[in-house]
N, C-alpha and C. Protein backbone atom coordinates (compact mmCIF):
# COMPACT_ATOMS: atom_id res chain seq x y z
N UNK A 1 18.01 -0.02 -48.73
CA UNK A 1 18.21 0.96 -47.65
C UNK A 1 16.89 1.63 -47.28
N UNK A 2 16.17 2.04 -48.37
CA UNK A 2 14.89 2.71 -48.15
C UNK A 2 13.93 1.79 -47.40
N UNK A 3 13.93 0.49 -47.82
CA UNK A 3 13.05 -0.48 -47.17
C UNK A 3 13.41 -0.67 -45.71
N UNK A 4 14.70 -0.64 -45.41
CA UNK A 4 15.16 -0.81 -44.03
C UNK A 4 14.70 0.34 -43.15
N UNK A 5 14.78 1.56 -43.68
CA UNK A 5 14.34 2.74 -42.92
C UNK A 5 12.85 2.67 -42.66
N UNK A 6 12.08 2.29 -43.68
CA UNK A 6 10.62 2.19 -43.53
C UNK A 6 10.28 1.13 -42.49
N UNK A 7 10.99 0.00 -42.55
CA UNK A 7 10.74 -1.08 -41.58
C UNK A 7 11.04 -0.63 -40.16
N UNK A 8 12.13 0.11 -39.97
CA UNK A 8 12.49 0.61 -38.64
C UNK A 8 11.45 1.58 -38.12
N UNK A 9 10.97 2.48 -39.00
CA UNK A 9 9.94 3.44 -38.59
C UNK A 9 8.65 2.73 -38.20
N UNK A 10 8.28 1.73 -38.96
CA UNK A 10 7.06 0.97 -38.66
C UNK A 10 7.17 0.27 -37.32
N UNK A 11 8.34 -0.33 -37.06
CA UNK A 11 8.56 -1.01 -35.78
C UNK A 11 8.50 -0.04 -34.62
N UNK A 12 9.11 1.12 -34.77
CA UNK A 12 9.10 2.14 -33.71
C UNK A 12 7.69 2.60 -33.42
N UNK A 13 6.88 2.75 -34.48
CA UNK A 13 5.50 3.19 -34.30
C UNK A 13 4.71 2.15 -33.53
N UNK A 14 4.90 0.86 -33.90
CA UNK A 14 4.19 -0.21 -33.19
C UNK A 14 4.58 -0.29 -31.73
N UNK A 15 5.88 -0.20 -31.45
CA UNK A 15 6.35 -0.27 -30.06
C UNK A 15 5.86 0.92 -29.26
N UNK A 16 5.84 2.07 -29.87
CA UNK A 16 5.36 3.27 -29.17
C UNK A 16 3.91 3.16 -28.81
N UNK A 17 3.11 2.48 -29.65
CA UNK A 17 1.69 2.32 -29.37
C UNK A 17 1.42 1.34 -28.27
N UNK A 18 2.38 0.48 -27.93
CA UNK A 18 2.18 -0.54 -26.89
C UNK A 18 2.32 0.03 -25.49
N UNK A 19 3.08 1.09 -25.32
CA UNK A 19 3.31 1.65 -23.98
C UNK A 19 2.19 2.61 -23.63
N UNK A 20 1.45 2.31 -22.57
CA UNK A 20 0.33 3.15 -22.16
C UNK A 20 0.80 4.21 -21.18
N UNK A 21 0.44 5.48 -21.42
CA UNK A 21 0.86 6.53 -20.49
C UNK A 21 0.14 6.41 -19.16
N UNK A 22 0.85 6.65 -18.08
CA UNK A 22 0.27 6.63 -16.74
C UNK A 22 0.47 8.00 -16.12
N UNK A 23 -0.59 8.59 -15.64
CA UNK A 23 -0.50 9.90 -15.01
C UNK A 23 -0.14 9.71 -13.54
N UNK A 24 0.99 10.24 -13.13
CA UNK A 24 1.46 10.07 -11.75
C UNK A 24 1.19 11.30 -10.90
N UNK A 25 0.19 12.08 -11.29
CA UNK A 25 -0.21 13.20 -10.44
C UNK A 25 0.34 14.54 -10.86
N UNK A 26 0.94 14.62 -12.04
CA UNK A 26 1.40 15.91 -12.54
C UNK A 26 2.69 16.34 -11.89
N UNK A 27 2.98 17.64 -11.92
CA UNK A 27 4.20 18.17 -11.33
C UNK A 27 5.41 17.60 -12.04
N UNK A 28 6.47 17.32 -11.28
CA UNK A 28 7.70 16.80 -11.85
C UNK A 28 7.54 15.39 -12.38
N UNK A 29 6.56 14.66 -11.83
CA UNK A 29 6.38 13.28 -12.26
C UNK A 29 5.85 13.22 -13.68
N UNK A 30 4.93 14.12 -14.01
CA UNK A 30 4.38 14.18 -15.36
C UNK A 30 3.66 12.90 -15.73
N UNK A 31 3.61 12.65 -17.02
CA UNK A 31 2.99 11.43 -17.53
C UNK A 31 4.09 10.55 -18.08
N UNK A 32 4.20 9.35 -17.54
CA UNK A 32 5.29 8.45 -17.91
C UNK A 32 4.72 7.11 -18.36
N UNK A 33 5.49 6.40 -19.14
CA UNK A 33 5.14 5.03 -19.50
C UNK A 33 5.86 4.10 -18.54
N UNK A 34 5.14 3.11 -18.01
CA UNK A 34 5.75 2.21 -17.03
C UNK A 34 5.11 0.85 -17.09
N UNK A 35 5.85 -0.15 -16.65
CA UNK A 35 5.31 -1.49 -16.51
C UNK A 35 4.33 -1.47 -15.35
N UNK A 36 3.15 -2.07 -15.52
CA UNK A 36 2.12 -1.96 -14.50
C UNK A 36 1.86 -3.26 -13.76
N UNK A 37 2.75 -4.24 -13.86
CA UNK A 37 2.56 -5.50 -13.16
C UNK A 37 2.97 -5.36 -11.70
N UNK A 38 2.10 -5.82 -10.81
CA UNK A 38 2.41 -5.80 -9.38
C UNK A 38 2.08 -7.18 -8.86
N UNK A 39 3.09 -8.04 -8.80
CA UNK A 39 2.86 -9.45 -8.52
C UNK A 39 2.97 -9.81 -7.06
N UNK A 40 2.85 -11.12 -6.81
CA UNK A 40 2.87 -11.64 -5.44
C UNK A 40 4.20 -11.34 -4.75
N UNK A 41 5.30 -11.40 -5.50
CA UNK A 41 6.60 -11.13 -4.88
C UNK A 41 6.71 -9.68 -4.43
N UNK A 42 6.13 -8.77 -5.23
CA UNK A 42 6.11 -7.36 -4.84
C UNK A 42 5.29 -7.16 -3.57
N UNK A 43 4.12 -7.82 -3.52
CA UNK A 43 3.26 -7.73 -2.35
C UNK A 43 3.99 -8.20 -1.10
N UNK A 44 4.65 -9.34 -1.22
CA UNK A 44 5.33 -9.93 -0.06
C UNK A 44 6.48 -9.05 0.42
N UNK A 45 7.28 -8.55 -0.52
CA UNK A 45 8.41 -7.69 -0.16
C UNK A 45 7.94 -6.42 0.53
N UNK A 46 6.93 -5.78 -0.05
CA UNK A 46 6.48 -4.51 0.49
C UNK A 46 5.81 -4.67 1.85
N UNK A 47 4.95 -5.68 1.99
CA UNK A 47 4.26 -5.89 3.27
C UNK A 47 5.25 -6.28 4.36
N UNK A 48 6.20 -7.15 4.03
CA UNK A 48 7.19 -7.59 5.02
C UNK A 48 8.06 -6.42 5.48
N UNK A 49 8.50 -5.62 4.53
CA UNK A 49 9.35 -4.47 4.85
C UNK A 49 8.62 -3.47 5.74
N UNK A 50 7.35 -3.19 5.40
CA UNK A 50 6.59 -2.21 6.18
C UNK A 50 6.37 -2.69 7.61
N UNK A 51 5.98 -3.93 7.78
CA UNK A 51 5.70 -4.44 9.12
C UNK A 51 6.98 -4.55 9.94
N UNK A 52 8.08 -4.93 9.30
CA UNK A 52 9.37 -4.96 10.01
C UNK A 52 9.73 -3.58 10.54
N UNK A 53 9.53 -2.55 9.73
CA UNK A 53 9.82 -1.18 10.15
C UNK A 53 8.89 -0.75 11.28
N UNK A 54 7.63 -1.13 11.14
CA UNK A 54 6.65 -0.77 12.17
C UNK A 54 7.01 -1.40 13.51
N UNK A 55 7.29 -2.70 13.51
CA UNK A 55 7.58 -3.41 14.76
C UNK A 55 8.88 -2.96 15.40
N UNK A 56 9.80 -2.45 14.59
CA UNK A 56 11.09 -1.99 15.11
C UNK A 56 11.05 -0.57 15.64
N UNK A 57 9.94 0.13 15.42
CA UNK A 57 9.85 1.54 15.83
C UNK A 57 9.69 1.67 17.35
N UNK A 58 10.19 2.77 17.88
CA UNK A 58 10.08 3.04 19.32
C UNK A 58 8.62 3.17 19.75
N UNK A 59 7.80 3.75 18.88
CA UNK A 59 6.38 3.95 19.21
C UNK A 59 5.68 2.62 19.43
N UNK A 60 5.92 1.66 18.56
CA UNK A 60 5.26 0.35 18.68
C UNK A 60 5.82 -0.43 19.86
N UNK A 61 7.11 -0.32 20.10
CA UNK A 61 7.69 -0.99 21.28
C UNK A 61 7.05 -0.46 22.56
N UNK A 62 6.78 0.84 22.60
CA UNK A 62 6.15 1.45 23.77
C UNK A 62 4.70 0.98 23.93
N UNK A 63 3.98 0.95 22.82
CA UNK A 63 2.57 0.55 22.84
C UNK A 63 2.40 -0.90 23.29
N UNK A 64 3.31 -1.76 22.87
CA UNK A 64 3.17 -3.20 23.14
C UNK A 64 3.97 -3.66 24.36
N UNK A 65 4.60 -2.73 25.06
CA UNK A 65 5.46 -3.10 26.20
C UNK A 65 4.67 -3.75 27.33
N UNK A 66 3.43 -3.29 27.56
CA UNK A 66 2.67 -3.77 28.71
C UNK A 66 1.56 -4.74 28.33
N UNK A 67 1.52 -5.18 27.10
CA UNK A 67 0.47 -6.11 26.70
C UNK A 67 0.32 -6.17 25.19
N UNK A 68 -0.76 -6.82 24.77
CA UNK A 68 -1.04 -6.97 23.36
C UNK A 68 -2.31 -6.19 23.01
N UNK A 69 -2.16 -4.96 22.53
CA UNK A 69 -3.34 -4.16 22.20
C UNK A 69 -4.13 -4.76 21.04
N UNK A 70 -5.41 -4.45 21.03
CA UNK A 70 -6.30 -4.97 19.98
C UNK A 70 -6.27 -4.01 18.79
N UNK A 71 -5.99 -4.57 17.62
CA UNK A 71 -5.88 -3.75 16.41
C UNK A 71 -6.82 -4.28 15.34
N UNK A 72 -7.35 -3.37 14.54
CA UNK A 72 -8.10 -3.74 13.35
C UNK A 72 -7.32 -3.21 12.15
N UNK A 73 -7.13 -4.05 11.15
CA UNK A 73 -6.40 -3.66 9.95
C UNK A 73 -7.41 -3.31 8.87
N UNK A 74 -7.45 -2.04 8.49
CA UNK A 74 -8.35 -1.61 7.43
C UNK A 74 -7.77 -2.03 6.08
N UNK A 75 -8.63 -2.21 5.10
CA UNK A 75 -8.18 -2.62 3.77
C UNK A 75 -7.23 -1.59 3.18
N UNK A 76 -6.08 -2.05 2.69
CA UNK A 76 -5.13 -1.16 2.02
C UNK A 76 -5.76 -0.67 0.73
N UNK A 77 -5.67 0.63 0.48
CA UNK A 77 -6.29 1.23 -0.70
C UNK A 77 -5.29 1.34 -1.85
N UNK A 78 -5.79 1.13 -3.04
CA UNK A 78 -4.97 1.21 -4.25
C UNK A 78 -5.14 2.58 -4.89
N UNK A 79 -4.10 3.40 -4.85
CA UNK A 79 -4.14 4.71 -5.48
C UNK A 79 -3.25 4.75 -6.73
N UNK A 80 -2.97 3.58 -7.28
CA UNK A 80 -2.20 3.51 -8.52
C UNK A 80 -3.16 3.27 -9.68
N UNK A 81 -2.61 3.28 -10.88
CA UNK A 81 -3.42 2.92 -12.05
C UNK A 81 -3.13 1.48 -12.47
N UNK A 82 -2.45 0.77 -11.62
CA UNK A 82 -2.15 -0.64 -11.86
C UNK A 82 -3.14 -1.50 -11.08
N UNK A 83 -3.20 -2.76 -11.46
CA UNK A 83 -3.99 -3.70 -10.65
C UNK A 83 -3.14 -4.13 -9.46
N UNK A 84 -3.64 -3.88 -8.27
CA UNK A 84 -2.98 -4.31 -7.05
C UNK A 84 -3.98 -5.15 -6.26
N UNK A 85 -3.61 -6.36 -5.92
CA UNK A 85 -4.49 -7.23 -5.13
C UNK A 85 -4.45 -6.76 -3.68
N UNK A 86 -5.28 -5.77 -3.37
CA UNK A 86 -5.25 -5.18 -2.03
C UNK A 86 -5.77 -6.14 -0.97
N UNK A 87 -6.63 -7.07 -1.35
CA UNK A 87 -7.09 -8.07 -0.38
C UNK A 87 -5.92 -8.95 0.07
N UNK A 88 -5.11 -9.38 -0.89
CA UNK A 88 -3.94 -10.20 -0.56
C UNK A 88 -2.93 -9.39 0.24
N UNK A 89 -2.75 -8.13 -0.13
CA UNK A 89 -1.80 -7.26 0.58
C UNK A 89 -2.23 -7.05 2.02
N UNK A 90 -3.52 -6.77 2.22
CA UNK A 90 -4.05 -6.58 3.58
C UNK A 90 -3.92 -7.87 4.40
N UNK A 91 -4.18 -9.01 3.77
CA UNK A 91 -4.07 -10.30 4.46
C UNK A 91 -2.63 -10.58 4.87
N UNK A 92 -1.68 -10.24 4.00
CA UNK A 92 -0.26 -10.45 4.32
C UNK A 92 0.16 -9.60 5.51
N UNK A 93 -0.29 -8.35 5.52
CA UNK A 93 0.04 -7.45 6.63
C UNK A 93 -0.54 -7.98 7.94
N UNK A 94 -1.80 -8.40 7.90
CA UNK A 94 -2.44 -8.95 9.10
C UNK A 94 -1.70 -10.19 9.59
N UNK A 95 -1.32 -11.05 8.65
CA UNK A 95 -0.62 -12.28 9.02
C UNK A 95 0.74 -11.98 9.65
N UNK A 96 1.46 -11.02 9.08
CA UNK A 96 2.77 -10.65 9.63
C UNK A 96 2.62 -10.10 11.05
N UNK A 97 1.59 -9.29 11.27
CA UNK A 97 1.36 -8.74 12.61
C UNK A 97 0.99 -9.84 13.60
N UNK A 98 0.14 -10.76 13.16
CA UNK A 98 -0.25 -11.87 14.03
C UNK A 98 0.96 -12.73 14.39
N UNK A 99 1.80 -12.99 13.42
CA UNK A 99 3.00 -13.80 13.66
C UNK A 99 3.96 -13.14 14.65
N UNK A 100 3.90 -11.81 14.73
CA UNK A 100 4.80 -11.10 15.64
C UNK A 100 4.44 -11.33 17.10
N UNK A 101 3.16 -11.67 17.36
CA UNK A 101 2.70 -11.87 18.73
C UNK A 101 2.57 -10.60 19.54
N UNK A 102 2.62 -9.45 18.86
CA UNK A 102 2.57 -8.16 19.56
C UNK A 102 1.16 -7.61 19.69
N UNK A 103 0.23 -8.09 18.86
CA UNK A 103 -1.12 -7.54 18.84
C UNK A 103 -2.15 -8.67 18.89
N UNK A 104 -3.34 -8.30 19.37
CA UNK A 104 -4.51 -9.15 19.22
C UNK A 104 -5.40 -8.53 18.14
N UNK A 105 -6.27 -9.36 17.55
CA UNK A 105 -7.05 -8.90 16.41
C UNK A 105 -8.55 -9.05 16.64
N UNK A 106 -9.30 -8.15 16.02
CA UNK A 106 -10.75 -8.23 16.06
C UNK A 106 -11.20 -9.35 15.12
N UNK A 107 -12.21 -10.10 15.54
CA UNK A 107 -12.78 -11.16 14.72
C UNK A 107 -13.28 -10.55 13.39
N UNK A 108 -12.82 -11.09 12.24
CA UNK A 108 -13.25 -10.55 10.94
C UNK A 108 -14.76 -10.51 10.76
N UNK A 109 -15.48 -11.48 11.36
CA UNK A 109 -16.94 -11.49 11.26
C UNK A 109 -17.53 -10.27 11.96
N UNK A 110 -16.92 -9.88 13.08
CA UNK A 110 -17.37 -8.69 13.81
C UNK A 110 -17.12 -7.43 12.98
N UNK A 111 -15.95 -7.36 12.36
CA UNK A 111 -15.62 -6.21 11.50
C UNK A 111 -16.62 -6.10 10.36
N UNK A 112 -16.92 -7.23 9.73
CA UNK A 112 -17.86 -7.25 8.61
C UNK A 112 -19.25 -6.79 9.05
N UNK A 113 -19.69 -7.26 10.22
CA UNK A 113 -21.02 -6.90 10.73
C UNK A 113 -21.12 -5.41 11.02
N UNK A 114 -20.07 -4.84 11.61
CA UNK A 114 -20.09 -3.41 11.94
C UNK A 114 -20.01 -2.58 10.66
N UNK A 115 -19.21 -3.01 9.70
CA UNK A 115 -19.17 -2.31 8.41
C UNK A 115 -20.56 -2.25 7.78
N UNK A 116 -21.26 -3.37 7.85
CA UNK A 116 -22.60 -3.44 7.28
C UNK A 116 -23.54 -2.51 8.04
N UNK A 117 -23.40 -2.50 9.36
CA UNK A 117 -24.24 -1.64 10.20
C UNK A 117 -24.02 -0.16 9.88
N UNK A 118 -22.77 0.19 9.57
CA UNK A 118 -22.44 1.58 9.25
C UNK A 118 -22.57 1.88 7.75
N UNK A 119 -23.06 0.88 7.01
CA UNK A 119 -23.25 1.01 5.55
C UNK A 119 -21.93 1.26 4.83
N UNK A 120 -20.87 0.60 5.30
CA UNK A 120 -19.57 0.66 4.64
C UNK A 120 -19.35 -0.63 3.87
N UNK A 121 -18.88 -0.50 2.64
CA UNK A 121 -18.45 -1.69 1.90
C UNK A 121 -16.99 -1.96 2.26
N UNK A 122 -16.45 -3.07 1.79
CA UNK A 122 -15.06 -3.42 2.08
C UNK A 122 -14.10 -2.39 1.48
N UNK A 123 -14.54 -1.73 0.39
CA UNK A 123 -13.68 -0.78 -0.30
C UNK A 123 -13.78 0.64 0.25
N UNK A 124 -14.78 0.90 1.09
CA UNK A 124 -14.92 2.24 1.66
C UNK A 124 -13.82 2.50 2.67
N UNK A 125 -13.35 3.74 2.70
CA UNK A 125 -12.33 4.09 3.68
C UNK A 125 -12.93 5.03 4.71
N UNK A 126 -12.31 5.09 5.88
CA UNK A 126 -12.79 5.95 6.94
C UNK A 126 -12.24 7.34 6.69
N UNK A 127 -13.13 8.23 6.24
CA UNK A 127 -12.68 9.52 5.72
C UNK A 127 -12.33 10.52 6.82
N UNK A 128 -12.72 10.27 8.04
CA UNK A 128 -12.37 11.19 9.12
C UNK A 128 -12.16 10.43 10.42
N UNK A 129 -11.56 11.12 11.38
CA UNK A 129 -11.23 10.48 12.66
C UNK A 129 -12.46 10.03 13.42
N UNK A 130 -13.52 10.85 13.39
CA UNK A 130 -14.71 10.51 14.17
C UNK A 130 -15.34 9.21 13.68
N UNK A 131 -15.36 9.01 12.36
CA UNK A 131 -15.90 7.77 11.81
C UNK A 131 -15.04 6.58 12.20
N UNK A 132 -13.72 6.76 12.12
CA UNK A 132 -12.80 5.69 12.49
C UNK A 132 -12.93 5.35 13.97
N UNK A 133 -13.04 6.37 14.81
CA UNK A 133 -13.17 6.15 16.25
C UNK A 133 -14.48 5.43 16.56
N UNK A 134 -15.57 5.85 15.90
CA UNK A 134 -16.86 5.18 16.08
C UNK A 134 -16.76 3.71 15.70
N UNK A 135 -16.13 3.45 14.57
CA UNK A 135 -15.95 2.07 14.11
C UNK A 135 -15.13 1.27 15.11
N UNK A 136 -14.03 1.86 15.59
CA UNK A 136 -13.16 1.18 16.55
C UNK A 136 -13.88 0.83 17.83
N UNK A 137 -14.69 1.75 18.33
CA UNK A 137 -15.46 1.50 19.54
C UNK A 137 -16.45 0.36 19.35
N UNK A 138 -17.05 0.32 18.16
CA UNK A 138 -18.07 -0.70 17.89
C UNK A 138 -17.48 -2.09 17.73
N UNK A 139 -16.25 -2.18 17.24
CA UNK A 139 -15.64 -3.51 17.07
C UNK A 139 -14.75 -3.88 18.25
N UNK A 140 -14.53 -2.94 19.16
CA UNK A 140 -13.73 -3.23 20.34
C UNK A 140 -12.23 -3.14 20.13
N UNK A 141 -11.81 -2.36 19.13
CA UNK A 141 -10.37 -2.22 18.84
C UNK A 141 -9.81 -0.98 19.52
N UNK A 142 -8.54 -1.04 19.87
CA UNK A 142 -7.84 0.11 20.44
C UNK A 142 -7.10 0.92 19.38
N UNK A 143 -6.70 0.21 18.31
CA UNK A 143 -5.93 0.86 17.25
C UNK A 143 -6.43 0.41 15.89
N UNK A 144 -6.23 1.28 14.91
CA UNK A 144 -6.53 0.94 13.52
C UNK A 144 -5.28 1.17 12.68
N UNK A 145 -4.91 0.14 11.91
CA UNK A 145 -3.80 0.25 10.97
C UNK A 145 -4.40 0.40 9.57
N UNK A 146 -4.03 1.45 8.88
CA UNK A 146 -4.59 1.69 7.55
C UNK A 146 -3.52 2.29 6.65
N UNK A 147 -3.78 2.27 5.35
CA UNK A 147 -2.78 2.82 4.43
C UNK A 147 -3.18 2.69 2.99
N UNK A 148 -2.25 3.04 2.11
CA UNK A 148 -2.52 2.98 0.67
C UNK A 148 -1.23 2.74 -0.10
N UNK A 149 -1.40 2.31 -1.33
CA UNK A 149 -0.28 2.13 -2.26
C UNK A 149 -0.43 3.14 -3.38
N UNK A 150 0.65 3.86 -3.69
CA UNK A 150 0.64 4.82 -4.78
C UNK A 150 1.86 4.57 -5.66
N UNK A 151 1.99 5.33 -6.72
CA UNK A 151 3.12 5.19 -7.63
C UNK A 151 3.92 6.48 -7.67
N UNK A 152 5.23 6.36 -7.62
CA UNK A 152 6.11 7.53 -7.73
C UNK A 152 7.16 7.24 -8.79
N UNK A 153 7.72 8.32 -9.34
CA UNK A 153 8.78 8.18 -10.33
C UNK A 153 10.08 8.71 -9.74
N UNK A 154 11.17 8.02 -10.06
CA UNK A 154 12.50 8.47 -9.62
C UNK A 154 13.43 8.54 -10.82
N UNK A 155 14.33 9.50 -10.78
CA UNK A 155 15.34 9.60 -11.83
C UNK A 155 16.49 8.65 -11.51
N UNK A 156 16.90 7.89 -12.50
CA UNK A 156 18.03 6.97 -12.35
C UNK A 156 19.02 7.25 -13.47
N UNK A 157 20.13 6.55 -13.45
CA UNK A 157 21.14 6.73 -14.50
C UNK A 157 20.61 6.30 -15.87
N UNK A 158 19.56 5.48 -15.84
CA UNK A 158 18.97 5.01 -17.10
C UNK A 158 17.69 5.75 -17.47
N UNK A 159 17.42 6.84 -16.75
CA UNK A 159 16.20 7.61 -17.02
C UNK A 159 15.24 7.55 -15.85
N UNK A 160 13.94 7.47 -16.14
CA UNK A 160 12.91 7.43 -15.11
C UNK A 160 12.57 5.99 -14.74
N UNK A 161 12.32 5.76 -13.46
CA UNK A 161 11.94 4.43 -12.99
C UNK A 161 10.72 4.55 -12.08
N UNK A 162 9.73 3.71 -12.32
CA UNK A 162 8.52 3.72 -11.50
C UNK A 162 8.70 2.85 -10.26
N UNK A 163 8.21 3.37 -9.13
CA UNK A 163 8.25 2.65 -7.85
C UNK A 163 6.84 2.59 -7.29
N UNK A 164 6.55 1.51 -6.58
CA UNK A 164 5.34 1.45 -5.78
C UNK A 164 5.68 1.93 -4.38
N UNK A 165 4.88 2.83 -3.87
CA UNK A 165 5.12 3.41 -2.54
C UNK A 165 3.95 3.05 -1.63
N UNK A 166 4.26 2.49 -0.47
CA UNK A 166 3.22 2.20 0.52
C UNK A 166 3.35 3.14 1.69
N UNK A 167 2.23 3.71 2.09
CA UNK A 167 2.16 4.59 3.25
C UNK A 167 1.18 3.97 4.24
N UNK A 168 1.60 3.85 5.51
CA UNK A 168 0.72 3.28 6.53
C UNK A 168 0.75 4.11 7.79
N UNK A 169 -0.38 4.06 8.53
CA UNK A 169 -0.49 4.78 9.80
C UNK A 169 -1.23 3.92 10.81
N UNK A 170 -0.86 4.09 12.08
CA UNK A 170 -1.55 3.42 13.18
C UNK A 170 -2.22 4.49 14.02
N UNK A 171 -3.56 4.44 14.07
CA UNK A 171 -4.33 5.44 14.80
C UNK A 171 -4.83 4.91 16.13
N UNK A 172 -4.67 5.71 17.18
CA UNK A 172 -5.27 5.41 18.48
C UNK A 172 -6.76 5.73 18.37
N UNK A 173 -7.62 4.73 18.55
CA UNK A 173 -9.05 4.91 18.33
C UNK A 173 -9.79 5.53 19.51
N UNK A 174 -9.06 5.89 20.55
CA UNK A 174 -9.68 6.66 21.64
C UNK A 174 -9.43 8.14 21.44
N UNK A 175 -8.20 8.48 21.11
CA UNK A 175 -7.83 9.89 20.99
C UNK A 175 -7.81 10.40 19.55
N UNK A 176 -7.72 9.47 18.59
CA UNK A 176 -7.62 9.88 17.20
C UNK A 176 -6.21 10.27 16.78
N UNK A 177 -5.25 10.12 17.68
CA UNK A 177 -3.87 10.50 17.35
C UNK A 177 -3.19 9.39 16.54
N UNK A 178 -2.25 9.81 15.71
CA UNK A 178 -1.47 8.86 14.91
C UNK A 178 -0.25 8.46 15.73
N UNK A 179 -0.21 7.22 16.15
CA UNK A 179 0.87 6.73 17.01
C UNK A 179 2.12 6.35 16.21
N UNK A 180 1.89 5.94 14.97
CA UNK A 180 3.02 5.57 14.11
C UNK A 180 2.64 5.79 12.66
N UNK A 181 3.59 6.21 11.87
CA UNK A 181 3.39 6.29 10.42
C UNK A 181 4.69 5.91 9.74
N UNK A 182 4.57 5.32 8.59
CA UNK A 182 5.77 4.90 7.87
C UNK A 182 5.51 4.78 6.39
N UNK A 183 6.60 4.81 5.63
CA UNK A 183 6.53 4.66 4.18
C UNK A 183 7.64 3.73 3.72
N UNK A 184 7.38 3.05 2.64
CA UNK A 184 8.42 2.25 2.00
C UNK A 184 8.07 2.17 0.53
N UNK A 185 9.07 1.89 -0.29
CA UNK A 185 8.80 1.77 -1.71
C UNK A 185 9.67 0.70 -2.33
N UNK A 186 9.18 0.16 -3.41
CA UNK A 186 9.87 -0.94 -4.08
C UNK A 186 9.82 -0.69 -5.57
N UNK A 187 10.93 -0.92 -6.24
CA UNK A 187 10.96 -0.74 -7.69
C UNK A 187 10.13 -1.84 -8.32
N UNK A 188 9.47 -1.51 -9.42
CA UNK A 188 8.64 -2.51 -10.07
C UNK A 188 9.50 -3.68 -10.52
N UNK A 189 9.08 -4.87 -10.13
CA UNK A 189 9.88 -6.07 -10.34
C UNK A 189 10.16 -6.36 -11.80
N UNK A 190 9.28 -5.90 -12.69
CA UNK A 190 9.48 -6.18 -14.10
C UNK A 190 10.70 -5.45 -14.65
N UNK A 191 11.09 -4.34 -13.98
CA UNK A 191 12.23 -3.56 -14.46
C UNK A 191 13.51 -3.99 -13.78
N UNK A 192 13.45 -4.15 -12.44
CA UNK A 192 14.61 -4.61 -11.68
C UNK A 192 14.09 -5.11 -10.36
N UNK A 193 14.81 -5.96 -9.67
CA UNK A 193 14.29 -6.54 -8.43
C UNK A 193 14.93 -5.95 -7.19
N UNK A 194 15.52 -4.76 -7.31
CA UNK A 194 16.09 -4.12 -6.13
C UNK A 194 15.07 -3.25 -5.46
N UNK A 195 15.15 -3.11 -4.13
CA UNK A 195 14.22 -2.28 -3.39
C UNK A 195 14.92 -1.02 -2.95
N UNK A 196 14.12 0.02 -2.66
CA UNK A 196 14.69 1.28 -2.20
C UNK A 196 13.81 1.89 -1.16
N UNK A 197 14.38 2.68 -0.29
CA UNK A 197 13.62 3.42 0.74
C UNK A 197 13.51 4.87 0.35
């Protein structure tokens, strides 16, 4: 009996050491242990859901009613503590938009050249409207689609569950106004494969 108790305690200690705490920004979220895998299926689900919502919005229908505006898709930023292939995520979003036939796109070589001219790396984000507008004018875009992925915690019947949350915005590069914004979130696939809004 004594040996069984010792064995159970040892196992619990080992398992407890395997779960790495993730800080979700304090407040009610606190520090939680969560699975940190974000795979291709998660990327596809989240990007598809976001673009579907965007294209179905009244704002986008209005913008694209009289033509195909030129858009530049900025790299999606990773604000989680997980590895997220933001290049693949950005590419999926661009591809979904292209497939919709609603927008035209700036040549990637032109985007790269202007980024270099402004001393921006691929990972740099446009921290203010004036910088974004300057960039848009230089590449010949009318709109910029940008966003980030973060992590949120939700209470469920089984306790806490980690979700990936994507936030995106479409900025008018002449006025600096946000023409559309949206959010979506997906439960981490390692825990369950259901999605939630």
